[in-house]
C-alpha atoms as a PDB file:
ATOM      1  CA  MET A   1     -57.690 -71.518   4.572  1.00  0.00           C
ATOM      2  CA  ARG A   2     -54.404 -71.119   7.027  1.00  0.00           C
ATOM      3  CA  LYS A   3     -56.375 -72.636  10.086  1.00  0.00           C
ATOM      4  CA  ILE A   4     -57.115 -75.777   8.266  1.00  0.00           C
ATOM      5  CA  TRP A   5     -53.595 -76.127   6.501  1.00  0.00           C
ATOM      6  CA  PHE A   6     -52.639 -76.226  10.460  1.00  0.00           C
ATOM      7  CA  ALA A   7     -54.714 -78.402  11.685  1.00  0.00           C
ATOM      8  CA  ASN A   8     -54.138 -80.862   8.852  1.00  0.00           C
ATOM      9  CA  CYS A   9     -50.477 -80.853   9.936  1.00  0.00           C
ATOM     10  CA  ILE A  10     -51.469 -81.730  13.773  1.00  0.00           C
ATOM     11  CA  LEU A  11     -53.515 -84.226  12.213  1.00  0.00           C
ATOM     12  CA  ALA A  12     -50.430 -85.749  10.077  1.00  0.00           C
ATOM     13  CA  VAL A  13     -48.348 -85.597  13.226  1.00  0.00           C
ATOM     14  CA  ALA A  14     -50.688 -87.431  15.728  1.00  0.00           C
ATOM     15  CA  ALA A  15     -51.413 -90.296  12.814  1.00  0.00           C
ATOM     16  CA  LEU A  16     -47.644 -91.208  12.300  1.00  0.00           C
ATOM     17  CA  GLY A  17     -47.358 -91.049  16.205  1.00  0.00           C
ATOM     18  CA  CYS A  18     -50.303 -93.516  16.574  1.00  0.00           C
ATOM     19  CA  THR A  19     -47.919 -95.457  14.215  1.00  0.00           C
ATOM     20  CA  SER A  20     -45.526 -95.391  15.125  1.00  0.00           C
ATOM     21  CA  THR A  21     -44.020 -99.090  16.819  1.00  0.00           C
ATOM     22  CA  LYS A  22     -41.956 -97.401  19.446  1.00  0.00           C
ATOM     23  CA  GLY A  23     -44.385 -94.940  20.793  1.00  0.00           C
ATOM     24  CA  PRO A  24     -47.320 -95.577  23.057  1.00  0.00           C
ATOM     25  CA  SER A  25     -49.950 -97.931  22.267  1.00  0.00           C
ATOM     26  CA  ALA A  26     -52.956 -97.612  20.555  1.00  0.00           C
ATOM     27  CA  THR A  27     -54.923 -97.847  23.063  1.00  0.00           C
ATOM     28  CA  GLY A  28     -53.921 -94.879  24.971  1.00  0.00           C
ATOM     29  CA  GLY A  29     -52.305 -94.672  28.490  1.00  0.00           C
ATOM     30  CA  TYR A  30     -51.119 -98.366  29.576  1.00  0.00           C
ATOM     31  CA  THR A  31     -48.531-101.179  28.405  1.00  0.00           C
ATOM     32  CA  SER A  32     -48.879-105.151  29.376  1.00  0.00           C
ATOM     33  CA  THR A  33     -45.519-106.439  30.792  1.00  0.00           C
ATOM     34  CA  GLY A  34     -45.150-110.544  31.136  1.00  0.00           C
ATOM     35  CA  GLY A  35     -47.994-111.330  29.144  1.00  0.00           C
ATOM     36  CA  PRO A  36     -51.562-110.072  28.080  1.00  0.00           C
ATOM     37  CA  PRO A  37     -53.469-107.707  30.642  1.00  0.00           C
ATOM     38  CA  GLY A  38     -54.460-110.463  33.244  1.00  0.00           C
ATOM     39  CA  ALA A  39     -52.227-113.277  32.237  1.00  0.00           C
ATOM     40  CA  PRO A  40     -49.961-114.873  35.054  1.00  0.00           C
ATOM     41  CA  GLY A  41     -47.792-112.638  36.112  1.00  0.00           C
ATOM     42  CA  ALA A  42     -48.617-109.459  34.161  1.00  0.00           C
ATOM     43  CA  VAL A  43     -47.886-105.851  35.436  1.00  0.00           C
ATOM     44  CA  VAL A  44     -50.080-103.043  33.555  1.00  0.00           C
ATOM     45  CA  THR A  45     -48.237 -99.659  33.997  1.00  0.00           C
ATOM     46  CA  ALA A  46     -49.826 -96.254  32.776  1.00  0.00           C
ATOM     47  CA  GLU A  47     -47.705 -94.855  30.972  1.00  0.00           C
ATOM     48  CA  PRO A  48     -46.471 -91.318  29.875  1.00  0.00           C
ATOM     49  CA  SER A  49     -48.271 -89.104  26.819  1.00  0.00           C
ATOM     50  CA  GLY A  50     -46.573 -88.862  23.771  1.00  0.00           C
ATOM     51  CA  TRP A  51     -45.269 -86.075  22.958  1.00  0.00           C
ATOM     52  CA  THR A  52     -48.217 -85.827  20.014  1.00  0.00           C
ATOM     53  CA  ASP A  53     -49.980 -85.407  23.253  1.00  0.00           C
ATOM     54  CA  LYS A  54     -47.909 -82.952  24.764  1.00  0.00           C
ATOM     55  CA  PHE A  55     -47.338 -81.084  21.099  1.00  0.00           C
ATOM     56  CA  VAL A  56     -51.104 -80.750  20.868  1.00  0.00           C
ATOM     57  CA  ALA A  57     -52.286 -79.832  24.678  1.00  0.00           C
ATOM     58  CA  SER A  58     -49.206 -76.899  24.138  1.00  0.00           C
ATOM     59  CA  MET A  59     -50.998 -75.817  20.968  1.00  0.00           C
ATOM     60  CA  LYS A  60     -54.566 -75.634  22.000  1.00  0.00           C
ATOM     61  CA  GLU A  61     -53.307 -73.721  25.547  1.00  0.00           C
ATOM     62  CA  TYR A  62     -51.212 -71.294  22.826  1.00  0.00           C
ATOM     63  CA  SER A  63     -53.897 -70.559  20.264  1.00  0.00           C
ATOM     64  CA  PRO A  64     -57.226 -71.727  21.684  1.00  0.00           C
ATOM     65  CA  ASP A  65     -59.172 -71.023  18.749  1.00  0.00           C
ATOM     66  CA  ILE A  66     -57.996 -73.055  17.085  1.00  0.00           C
ATOM     67  CA  PHE A  67     -59.294 -75.956  18.234  1.00  0.00           C
ATOM     68  CA  GLY A  68     -62.910 -74.058  19.791  1.00  0.00           C
ATOM     69  CA  GLU A  69     -61.963 -73.927  22.749  1.00  0.00           C
ATOM     70  CA  LYS A  70     -61.092 -70.314  23.958  1.00  0.00           C
ATOM     71  CA  LYS A  71     -59.995 -69.773  27.252  1.00  0.00           C
ATOM     72  CA  PRO A  72     -62.494 -66.633  29.112  1.00  0.00           C
ATOM     73  CA  LEU A  73     -60.788 -63.399  29.876  1.00  0.00           C
ATOM     74  CA  LYS A  74     -59.990 -62.577  32.887  1.00  0.00           C
ATOM     75  CA  ALA A  75     -61.441 -59.347  34.433  1.00  0.00           C
ATOM     76  CA  ALA A  76     -58.479 -56.963  34.974  1.00  0.00           C
ATOM     77  CA  PRO A  77     -58.235 -56.119  38.610  1.00  0.00           C
ATOM     78  CA  THR A  78     -59.375 -52.663  39.804  1.00  0.00           C
ATOM     79  CA  PRO A  79     -57.237 -49.384  40.189  1.00  0.00           C
ATOM     80  CA  THR A  80     -56.464 -48.314  43.774  1.00  0.00           C
ATOM     81  CA  ASN A  81     -55.243 -44.946  45.426  1.00  0.00           C
ATOM     82  CA  GLU A  82     -55.138 -46.824  48.707  1.00  0.00           C
ATOM     83  CA  ALA A  83     -51.295 -48.624  48.582  1.00  0.00           C
ATOM     84  CA  PRO A  84     -51.117 -51.286  51.228  1.00  0.00           C
ATOM     85  CA  PHE A  85     -49.198 -50.404  54.342  1.00  0.00           C
ATOM     86  CA  ASP A  86     -45.461 -51.118  54.325  1.00  0.00           C
ATOM     87  CA  PRO A  87     -43.218 -50.675  57.844  1.00  0.00           C
ATOM     88  CA  LYS A  88     -40.599 -50.962  55.897  1.00  0.00           C
ATOM     89  CA  THR A  89     -41.714 -47.568  54.382  1.00  0.00           C
ATOM     90  CA  ALA A  90     -42.434 -46.351  57.064  1.00  0.00           C
ATOM     91  CA  THR A  91     -41.057 -42.683  58.352  1.00  0.00           C
ATOM     92  CA  PRO A  92     -40.164 -41.067  61.870  1.00  0.00           C
ATOM     93  CA  GLU A  93     -43.651 -38.484  61.085  1.00  0.00           C
ATOM     94  CA  LEU A  94     -45.127 -41.239  60.850  1.00  0.00           C
ATOM     95  CA  HIS A  95     -44.494 -42.816  63.936  1.00  0.00           C
ATOM     96  CA  VAL A  96     -44.266 -39.605  66.645  1.00  0.00           C
ATOM     97  CA  ALA A  97     -48.281 -39.324  64.818  1.00  0.00           C
ATOM     98  CA  LEU A  98     -49.574 -42.796  65.846  1.00  0.00           C
ATOM     99  CA  ALA A  99     -47.742 -41.946  69.263  1.00  0.00           C
ATOM    100  CA  GLN A 100     -49.309 -38.817  69.990  1.00  0.00           C
ATOM    101  CA  MET A 101     -52.913 -40.891  68.901  1.00  0.00           C
ATOM    102  CA  SER A 102     -51.858 -43.342  71.420  1.00  0.00           C
ATOM    103  CA  HIS A 103     -51.513 -41.046  73.964  1.00  0.00           C
ATOM    104  CA  ARG A 104     -54.685 -38.981  73.653  1.00  0.00           C
ATOM    105  CA  ASN A 105     -56.077 -42.877  74.058  1.00  0.00           C
ATOM    106  CA  GLY A 106     -54.436 -43.282  77.194  1.00  0.00           C
ATOM    107  CA  GLN A 107     -52.136 -46.669  75.928  1.00  0.00           C
ATOM    108  CA  ILE A 108     -49.202 -44.635  76.576  1.00  0.00           C
ATOM    109  CA  PRO A 109     -46.865 -48.283  75.645  1.00  0.00           C
ATOM    110  CA  GLN A 110     -47.836 -47.932  72.352  1.00  0.00           C
ATOM    111  CA  ALA A 111     -47.422 -44.490  72.794  1.00  0.00           C
ATOM    112  CA  ARG A 112     -43.722 -45.153  73.803  1.00  0.00           C
ATOM    113  CA  GLN A 113     -43.364 -47.886  71.412  1.00  0.00           C
ATOM    114  CA  HIS A 114     -43.745 -44.978  68.289  1.00  0.00           C
ATOM    115  CA  TYR A 115     -41.883 -42.822  70.211  1.00  0.00           C
ATOM    116  CA  GLN A 116     -39.095 -45.404  70.420  1.00  0.00           C
ATOM    117  CA  LYS A 117     -39.484 -46.255  66.515  1.00  0.00           C
ATOM    118  CA  ALA A 118     -39.048 -42.622  65.247  1.00  0.00           C
ATOM    119  CA  LEU A 119     -35.983 -42.112  67.359  1.00  0.00           C
ATOM    120  CA  ALA A 120     -34.433 -45.240  66.326  1.00  0.00           C
ATOM    121  CA  MET A 121     -34.740 -43.799  62.395  1.00  0.00           C
ATOM    122  CA  ASP A 122     -33.761 -40.064  63.663  1.00  0.00           C
ATOM    123  CA  PRO A 123     -32.509 -40.068  66.484  1.00  0.00           C
ATOM    124  CA  LYS A 124     -32.412 -36.328  66.533  1.00  0.00           C
ATOM    125  CA  HIS A 125     -35.705 -36.026  65.025  1.00  0.00           C
ATOM    126  CA  LEU A 126     -37.295 -32.910  67.384  1.00  0.00           C
ATOM    127  CA  ASP A 127     -40.923 -33.130  67.635  1.00  0.00           C
ATOM    128  CA  ALA A 128     -40.075 -37.250  68.795  1.00  0.00           C
ATOM    129  CA  LEU A 129     -37.873 -35.904  71.302  1.00  0.00           C
ATOM    130  CA  LEU A 130     -39.516 -33.143  72.825  1.00  0.00           C
ATOM    131  CA  GLY A 131     -42.978 -35.687  73.023  1.00  0.00           C
ATOM    132  CA  ALA A 132     -41.608 -37.897  73.980  1.00  0.00           C
ATOM    133  CA  ALA A 133     -40.164 -35.966  76.753  1.00  0.00           C
ATOM    134  CA  ARG A 134     -43.990 -34.165  77.705  1.00  0.00           C
ATOM    135  CA  MET A 135     -45.271 -37.576  77.944  1.00  0.00           C
ATOM    136  CA  GLU A 136     -42.527 -38.904  80.041  1.00  0.00           C
ATOM    137  CA  ASP A 137     -42.935 -35.675  82.023  1.00  0.00           C
ATOM    138  CA  ARG A 138     -46.609 -36.425  82.618  1.00  0.00           C
ATOM    139  CA  GLU A 139     -46.174 -40.004  83.603  1.00  0.00           C
ATOM    140  CA  GLY A 140     -44.061 -38.501  86.663  1.00  0.00           C
ATOM    141  CA  ARG A 141     -40.662 -40.168  85.315  1.00  0.00           C
ATOM    142  CA  LEU A 142     -38.513 -37.281  85.525  1.00  0.00           C
ATOM    143  CA  ASP A 143     -35.275 -38.357  85.399  1.00  0.00           C
ATOM    144  CA  VAL A 144     -36.440 -40.254  81.758  1.00  0.00           C
ATOM    145  CA  ALA A 145     -37.699 -36.411  80.826  1.00  0.00           C
ATOM    146  CA  GLN A 146     -35.163 -34.292  81.138  1.00  0.00           C
ATOM    147  CA  MET A 147     -32.758 -36.362  79.504  1.00  0.00           C
ATOM    148  CA  LEU A 148     -35.160 -36.765  76.911  1.00  0.00           C
ATOM    149  CA  TYR A 149     -35.140 -32.734  76.978  1.00  0.00           C
ATOM    150  CA  GLN A 150     -31.648 -32.134  76.946  1.00  0.00           C
ATOM    151  CA  ARG A 151     -30.971 -34.702  73.816  1.00  0.00           C
ATOM    152  CA  ALA A 152     -34.059 -32.625  72.339  1.00  0.00           C
ATOM    153  CA  ALA A 153     -31.883 -29.334  73.128  1.00  0.00           C
ATOM    154  CA  GLN A 154     -28.216 -30.232  72.479  1.00  0.00           C
ATOM    155  CA  ALA A 155     -29.062 -31.769  68.695  1.00  0.00           C
ATOM    156  CA  HIS A 156     -31.291 -28.853  68.071  1.00  0.00           C
ATOM    157  CA  PRO A 157     -29.625 -25.167  69.904  1.00  0.00           C
ATOM    158  CA  LYS A 158     -31.657 -23.360  67.955  1.00  0.00           C
ATOM    159  CA  SER A 159     -35.386 -24.098  69.126  1.00  0.00           C
ATOM    160  CA  ALA A 160     -36.456 -21.759  71.973  1.00  0.00           C
ATOM    161  CA  THR A 161     -39.208 -24.697  72.638  1.00  0.00           C
ATOM    162  CA  ALA A 162     -36.980 -27.066  73.361  1.00  0.00           C
ATOM    163  CA  GLN A 163     -34.991 -25.111  75.478  1.00  0.00           C
ATOM    164  CA  ASN A 164     -38.168 -23.183  77.074  1.00  0.00           C
ATOM    165  CA  ASP A 165     -39.521 -27.162  78.244  1.00  0.00           C
ATOM    166  CA  LEU A 166     -36.234 -27.886  79.084  1.00  0.00           C
ATOM    167  CA  ALA A 167     -36.167 -24.778  81.121  1.00  0.00           C
ATOM    168  CA  LEU A 168     -39.783 -25.677  82.489  1.00  0.00           C
ATOM    169  CA  CYS A 169     -38.362 -29.518  83.314  1.00  0.00           C
ATOM    170  CA  TYR A 170     -35.731 -28.368  85.925  1.00  0.00           C
ATOM    171  CA  ALA A 171     -38.321 -25.475  87.447  1.00  0.00           C
ATOM    172  CA  ARG A 172     -40.296 -28.439  88.325  1.00  0.00           C
ATOM    173  CA  ARG A 173     -37.275 -30.518  90.008  1.00  0.00           C
ATOM    174  CA  GLY A 174     -35.990 -26.862  91.620  1.00  0.00           C
ATOM    175  CA  ASP A 175     -33.551 -26.392  90.095  1.00  0.00           C
ATOM    176  CA  LEU A 176     -34.953 -22.526  89.773  1.00  0.00           C
ATOM    177  CA  PRO A 177     -31.060 -20.928  88.848  1.00  0.00           C
ATOM    178  CA  THR A 178     -30.317 -23.864  85.891  1.00  0.00           C
ATOM    179  CA  ALA A 179     -34.461 -23.025  84.436  1.00  0.00           C
ATOM    180  CA  ALA A 180     -33.923 -19.445  84.564  1.00  0.00           C
ATOM    181  CA  LYS A 181     -30.166 -19.569  83.025  1.00  0.00           C
ATOM    182  CA  ILE A 182     -32.005 -21.493  80.040  1.00  0.00           C
ATOM    183  CA  LEU A 183     -34.868 -20.051  79.221  1.00  0.00           C
ATOM    184  CA  ASP A 184     -32.648 -16.914  78.971  1.00  0.00           C
ATOM    185  CA  GLU A 185     -31.104 -18.852  76.523  1.00  0.00           C
ATOM    186  CA  ALA A 186     -35.020 -19.184  74.736  1.00  0.00           C
ATOM    187  CA  VAL A 187     -35.361 -15.566  74.958  1.00  0.00           C
ATOM    188  CA  ARG A 188     -32.420 -14.699  73.344  1.00  0.00           C
ATOM    189  CA  ILE A 189     -33.452 -16.904  70.405  1.00  0.00           C
ATOM    190  CA  GLU A 190     -37.291 -15.664  70.236  1.00  0.00           C
ATOM    191  CA  PRO A 191     -37.513 -12.819  72.124  1.00  0.00           C
ATOM    192  CA  ARG A 192     -40.276 -11.599  70.661  1.00  0.00           C
ATOM    193  CA  LYS A 193     -42.493 -14.052  72.092  1.00  0.00           C
ATOM    194  CA  ALA A 194     -43.986 -13.217  75.351  1.00  0.00           C
ATOM    195  CA  LEU A 195     -44.803 -17.393  76.175  1.00  0.00           C
ATOM    196  CA  TYR A 196     -40.632 -17.934  77.256  1.00  0.00           C
ATOM    197  CA  ARG A 197     -40.891 -14.008  78.946  1.00  0.00           C
ATOM    198  CA  ASN A 198     -43.270 -14.690  81.107  1.00  0.00           C
ATOM    199  CA  ASN A 199     -42.332 -17.940  82.436  1.00  0.00           C
ATOM    200  CA  ALA A 200     -38.498 -16.146  83.016  1.00  0.00           C
ATOM    201  CA  ALA A 201     -40.271 -14.187  84.534  1.00  0.00           C
ATOM    202  CA  LYS A 202     -42.186 -15.902  86.918  1.00  0.00           C
ATOM    203  CA  VAL A 203     -39.059 -18.055  88.090  1.00  0.00           C
ATOM    204  CA  LEU A 204     -37.320 -14.872  88.707  1.00  0.00           C
ATOM    205  CA  VAL A 205     -40.000 -13.890  90.828  1.00  0.00           C
ATOM    206  CA  GLU A 206     -39.548 -17.490  92.595  1.00  0.00           C
ATOM    207  CA  MET A 207     -36.116 -16.440  93.305  1.00  0.00           C
ATOM    208  CA  ASN A 208     -37.167 -12.770  94.498  1.00  0.00           C
ATOM    209  CA  GLN A 209     -35.668 -11.188  91.849  1.00  0.00           C
ATOM    210  CA  VAL A 210     -38.629  -8.809  91.023  1.00  0.00           C
ATOM    211  CA  LYS A 211     -37.193  -6.324  89.090  1.00  0.00           C
ATOM    212  CA  PRO A 212     -35.674  -8.370  86.419  1.00  0.00           C
ATOM    213  CA  ALA A 213     -38.892 -10.175  85.809  1.00  0.00           C
ATOM    214  CA  MET A 214     -40.712  -7.081  85.729  1.00  0.00           C
ATOM    215  CA  ASP A 215     -37.896  -6.351  82.807  1.00  0.00           C
ATOM    216  CA  HIS A 216     -39.681  -9.163  81.049  1.00  0.00           C
ATOM    217  CA  LEU A 217     -42.913  -8.624  81.107  1.00  0.00           C
ATOM    218  CA  THR A 218     -42.241  -5.286  79.699  1.00  0.00           C
ATOM    219  CA  ALA A 219     -40.626  -5.965  76.543  1.00  0.00           C
ATOM    220  CA  VAL A 220     -43.458  -7.927  75.269  1.00  0.00           C
ATOM    221  CA  HIS A 221     -46.962  -6.549  76.826  1.00  0.00           C
ATOM    222  CA  THR A 222     -48.545  -3.137  77.537  1.00  0.00           C
ATOM    223  CA  PRO A 223     -47.406  -1.069  80.385  1.00  0.00           C
ATOM    224  CA  ALA A 224     -51.193  -1.892  82.338  1.00  0.00           C
ATOM    225  CA  VAL A 225     -50.761  -5.972  81.314  1.00  0.00           C
ATOM    226  CA  ALA A 226     -47.043  -5.948  82.274  1.00  0.00           C
ATOM    227  CA  ASN A 227     -48.681  -4.625  86.048  1.00  0.00           C
ATOM    228  CA  TYR A 228     -51.061  -6.962  85.859  1.00  0.00           C
ATOM    229  CA  ASN A 229     -49.109  -9.523  85.188  1.00  0.00           C
ATOM    230  CA  MET A 230     -46.881  -8.893  87.855  1.00  0.00           C
ATOM    231  CA  ALA A 231     -49.406  -8.910  90.799  1.00  0.00           C
ATOM    232  CA  VAL A 232     -50.773 -12.009  89.543  1.00  0.00           C
ATOM    233  CA  LEU A 233     -47.565 -13.403  90.146  1.00  0.00           C
ATOM    234  CA  LEU A 234     -46.914 -12.133  93.201  1.00  0.00           C
ATOM    235  CA  SER A 235     -50.138 -12.510  95.010  1.00  0.00           C
ATOM    236  CA  GLU A 236     -49.669 -16.334  94.060  1.00  0.00           C
ATOM    237  CA  ARG A 237     -46.521 -16.799  95.635  1.00  0.00           C
ATOM    238  CA  GLY A 238     -48.308 -15.079  98.559  1.00  0.00           C
ATOM    239  CA  ARG A 239     -47.463 -11.664  98.442  1.00  0.00           C
ATOM    240  CA  GLY A 240     -50.614  -9.745  98.053  1.00  0.00           C
ATOM    241  CA  ALA A 241     -49.122  -5.995  99.663  1.00  0.00           C
ATOM    242  CA  GLU A 242     -46.783  -6.260  97.574  1.00  0.00           C
ATOM    243  CA  ALA A 243     -48.797  -7.503  93.969  1.00  0.00           C
ATOM    244  CA  VAL A 244     -50.829  -4.116  95.638  1.00  0.00           C
ATOM    245  CA  PRO A 245     -48.712  -1.537  94.369  1.00  0.00           C
ATOM    246  CA  PHE A 246     -48.534  -3.169  90.822  1.00  0.00           C
ATOM    247  CA  LEU A 247     -52.701  -3.290  90.753  1.00  0.00           C
ATOM    248  CA  GLY A 248     -52.721   0.398  91.434  1.00  0.00           C
ATOM    249  CA  GLN A 249     -49.999   1.194  88.629  1.00  0.00           C
ATOM    250  CA  ALA A 250     -52.470  -0.669  86.118  1.00  0.00           C
ATOM    251  CA  LEU A 251     -55.681   0.285  87.026  1.00  0.00           C
ATOM    252  CA  ALA A 252     -53.637   4.134  86.642  1.00  0.00           C
ATOM    253  CA  LEU A 253     -52.410   3.258  83.292  1.00  0.00           C
ATOM    254  CA  ASP A 254     -56.126   1.378  82.104  1.00  0.00           C
ATOM    255  CA  PRO A 255     -59.003   1.803  84.457  1.00  0.00           C
ATOM    256  CA  THR A 256     -61.121  -0.427  82.956  1.00  0.00           C
ATOM    257  CA  MET A 257     -58.687  -3.301  83.412  1.00  0.00           C
ATOM    258  CA  GLN A 258     -62.050  -5.292  84.874  1.00  0.00           C
ATOM    259  CA  PRO A 259     -59.534  -8.053  86.303  1.00  0.00           C
ATOM    260  CA  ALA A 260     -57.635  -5.569  88.282  1.00  0.00           C
ATOM    261  CA  HIS A 261     -60.585  -4.030  90.466  1.00  0.00           C
ATOM    262  CA  ASP A 262     -61.620  -7.586  90.612  1.00  0.00           C
ATOM    263  CA  MET A 263     -58.214  -8.801  92.123  1.00  0.00           C
ATOM    264  CA  LEU A 264     -58.416  -5.542  93.745  1.00  0.00           C
ATOM    265  CA  ALA A 265     -60.614  -5.185  95.636  1.00  0.00           C
ATOM    266  CA  GLN A 266     -59.832  -9.075  97.209  1.00  0.00           C
ATOM    267  CA  LEU A 267     -56.714  -7.949  98.701  1.00  0.00           C
ATOM    268  CA  THR A 268     -57.448  -5.145 100.147  1.00  0.00           C
ATOM    269  CA  ALA A 269     -61.543  -6.715 101.833  1.00  0.00           C
ATOM    270  CA  PRO A 270     -61.029  -6.618 105.559  1.00  0.00           C
ATOM    271  CA  ALA A 271     -60.274 -10.104 106.426  1.00  0.00           C
ATOM    272  CA  THR A 272     -62.927 -12.003 106.979  1.00  0.00           C
ATOM    273  CA  PRO A 273     -64.422 -13.220 111.106  1.00  0.00           C
ATOM    274  CA  PRO A 274     -63.917 -17.060 111.554  1.00  0.00           C
ATOM    275  CA  GLY A 275     -66.972 -18.771 110.129  1.00  0.00           C
ATOM    276  CA  GLU A 276     -67.721 -16.614 107.693  1.00  0.00           C
ATOM    277  CA  ARG A 277     -67.320 -17.718 104.726  1.00  0.00           C
ATOM    278  CA  SER A 278     -65.754 -14.657 101.699  1.00  0.00           C
ATOM    279  CA  ILE A 279     -67.154 -13.966  98.631  1.00  0.00           C
ATOM    280  CA  VAL A 280     -64.920 -14.747  95.751  1.00  0.00           C
ATOM    281  CA  ALA A 281     -66.040 -12.270  92.341  1.00  0.00           C
ATOM    282  CA  ARG A 282     -66.069 -13.421  89.122  1.00  0.00           C
ATOM    283  CA  GLN A 283     -64.414 -12.397  86.251  1.00  0.00           C
ATOM    284  CA  PRO A 284     -67.305 -10.454  83.352  1.00  0.00           C
ATOM    285  CA  ALA A 285     -68.384 -12.582  80.476  1.00  0.00           C
ATOM    286  CA  ASN A 286     -65.749 -11.035  78.662  1.00  0.00           C
ATOM    287  CA  PRO A 287     -62.983  -9.130  79.729  1.00  0.00           C
ATOM    288  CA  ALA A 288     -60.100  -7.388  78.356  1.00  0.00           C
ATOM    289  CA  PRO A 289     -57.185  -9.653  77.181  1.00  0.00           C
ATOM    290  CA  VAL A 290     -55.219 -10.059  79.626  1.00  0.00           C
ATOM    291  CA  MET A 291     -53.512 -12.299  81.685  1.00  0.00           C
ATOM    292  CA  ALA A 292     -54.974 -14.880  83.369  1.00  0.00           C
ATOM    293  CA  VAL A 293     -55.032 -16.177  86.295  1.00  0.00           C
ATOM    294  CA  ALA A 294     -52.314 -19.377  86.929  1.00  0.00           C
ATOM    295  CA  ASN A 295     -53.742 -21.966  89.617  1.00  0.00           C
ATOM    296  CA  ASP A 296     -52.343 -25.541  87.537  1.00  0.00           C
ATOM    297  CA  SER A 297     -48.584 -26.309  88.310  1.00  0.00           C
ATOM    298  CA  ILE A 298     -45.888 -25.772  85.421  1.00  0.00           C
ATOM    299  CA  LEU A 299     -46.865 -28.093  82.140  1.00  0.00           C
ATOM    300  CA  PRO A 300     -44.477 -29.393  79.588  1.00  0.00           C
ATOM    301  CA  THR A 301     -46.933 -28.037  77.407  1.00  0.00           C
ATOM    302  CA  PRO A 302     -45.928 -24.366  77.116  1.00  0.00           C
ATOM    303  CA  GLU A 303     -47.941 -23.222  73.790  1.00  0.00           C
ATOM    304  CA  ALA A 304     -51.540 -23.173  74.760  1.00  0.00           C
ATOM    305  CA  VAL A 305     -52.836 -19.456  74.692  1.00  0.00           C
ATOM    306  CA  ALA A 306     -54.842 -18.663  77.291  1.00  0.00           C
ATOM    307  CA  THR A 307     -57.841 -15.745  78.316  1.00  0.00           C
ATOM    308  CA  VAL A 308     -59.403 -14.663  81.593  1.00  0.00           C
ATOM    309  CA  PRO A 309     -61.328 -17.188  82.631  1.00  0.00           C
ATOM    310  CA  ASN A 310     -65.257 -17.537  83.573  1.00  0.00           C
ATOM    311  CA  GLU A 311     -63.911 -18.965  86.984  1.00  0.00           C
ATOM    312  CA  PRO A 312     -63.677 -17.487  89.891  1.00  0.00           C
ATOM    313  CA  TRP A 313     -60.478 -16.130  91.338  1.00  0.00           C
ATOM    314  CA  ILE A 314     -58.620 -17.587  94.223  1.00  0.00           C
ATOM    315  CA  ALA A 315     -57.206 -15.918  96.886  1.00  0.00           C
ATOM    316  CA  PRO A 316     -53.358 -17.029  97.772  1.00  0.00           C
ATOM    317  CA  ALA A 317     -53.963 -17.528 101.165  1.00  0.00           C
ATOM    318  CA  SER A 318     -57.138 -19.803  99.730  1.00  0.00           C
ATOM    319  CA  SER A 319     -54.733 -21.350  97.349  1.00  0.00           C
ATOM    320  CA  THR A 320     -53.827 -25.637  97.278  1.00  0.00           C
ATOM    321  CA  GLN A 321     -50.835 -24.682  95.524  1.00  0.00           C
ATOM    322  CA  PRO A 322     -48.088 -24.588  97.528  1.00  0.00           C
ATOM    323  CA  SER A 323     -45.795 -22.262  97.844  1.00  0.00           C
ATOM    324  CA  SER A 324     -42.338 -24.132  96.939  1.00  0.00           C
ATOM    325  CA  ASN A 325     -43.552 -25.385  93.638  1.00  0.00           C
ATOM    326  CA  PRO A 326     -43.377 -22.884  91.385  1.00  0.00           C
ATOM    327  CA  VAL A 327     -46.272 -21.971  88.499  1.00  0.00           C
ATOM    328  CA  LEU A 328     -45.830 -20.210  85.544  1.00  0.00           C
ATOM    329  CA  LEU A 329     -47.876 -17.689  83.877  1.00  0.00           C
ATOM    330  CA  PRO A 330     -49.483 -18.899  80.115  1.00  0.00           C
ATOM    331  CA  PRO A 331     -48.914 -16.078  77.271  1.00  0.00           C
ATOM    332  CA  VAL A 332     -51.513 -13.314  77.091  1.00  0.00           C
ATOM    333  CA  ASN A 333     -53.697 -13.323  73.671  1.00  0.00           C
ATOM    334  CA  ASN A 334     -51.857  -9.673  71.972  1.00  0.00           C
END
């Protein structure tokens, strides 16, 4: 009943609009000035819709069911939990993760940009500072790497990792006294971590300070392992004669330490005549958990833990590692 009444009102208003002399022409949307259409001088112009047409159109838009013209309903958007990526909401952690991924893929410029963005957001972000420093270290840009290591160590004086990495950078650059001093700080922060003790011992052996180096090793290893590690450090520097007593002490404490037997046999074997190849002893498949022989240069990723590898042990005399380049031991598996 209400719809019929409403429609009648619409028709009445429309009828009044059509009979008005001041409203739009009865024929629709065109008017003629200057005479009837087609006469000389007559101009036909478009006339805008009247208020009645606008009213009816608005009623159709907001109440189409009255006129039998229902609009099709639009399907509601499917809900999703995945928000679109917004660079403005990116965090330093996100940029560090993207930098690490780019670095693994060999995309150094992209990795560098992400590290820079992370540090622009947080200049003291530890992971960004160390990640960028290690990347530049591997790329051979030691000046840039040292600057980043120093920023990390200064911003995080209680971070043993930052102190350790900075010390290794100084060691790679040949500044062993500074490296030893900074490693002492890393050891002070985390005295029970074998990694920092091993690195300190390595640097001290390079400085010919065997007694303090041995003190670091015995602080975190069993006596047998500590003596074996010292023998490794000495033999790597071509000081095999000094390594033999430490191997003997290690075997006296633990006769089952096969790597010590192999190294002792290698160091005490008769000199190989010229023109003959020496037979290199191999490590057993499952040796005791003692320190591995480190033949690589100091790396800026010090957290890797190594066991005794199943690879031939190379005598120091035949090693290609220059004696002036310090090599740090990886930590032992405890």
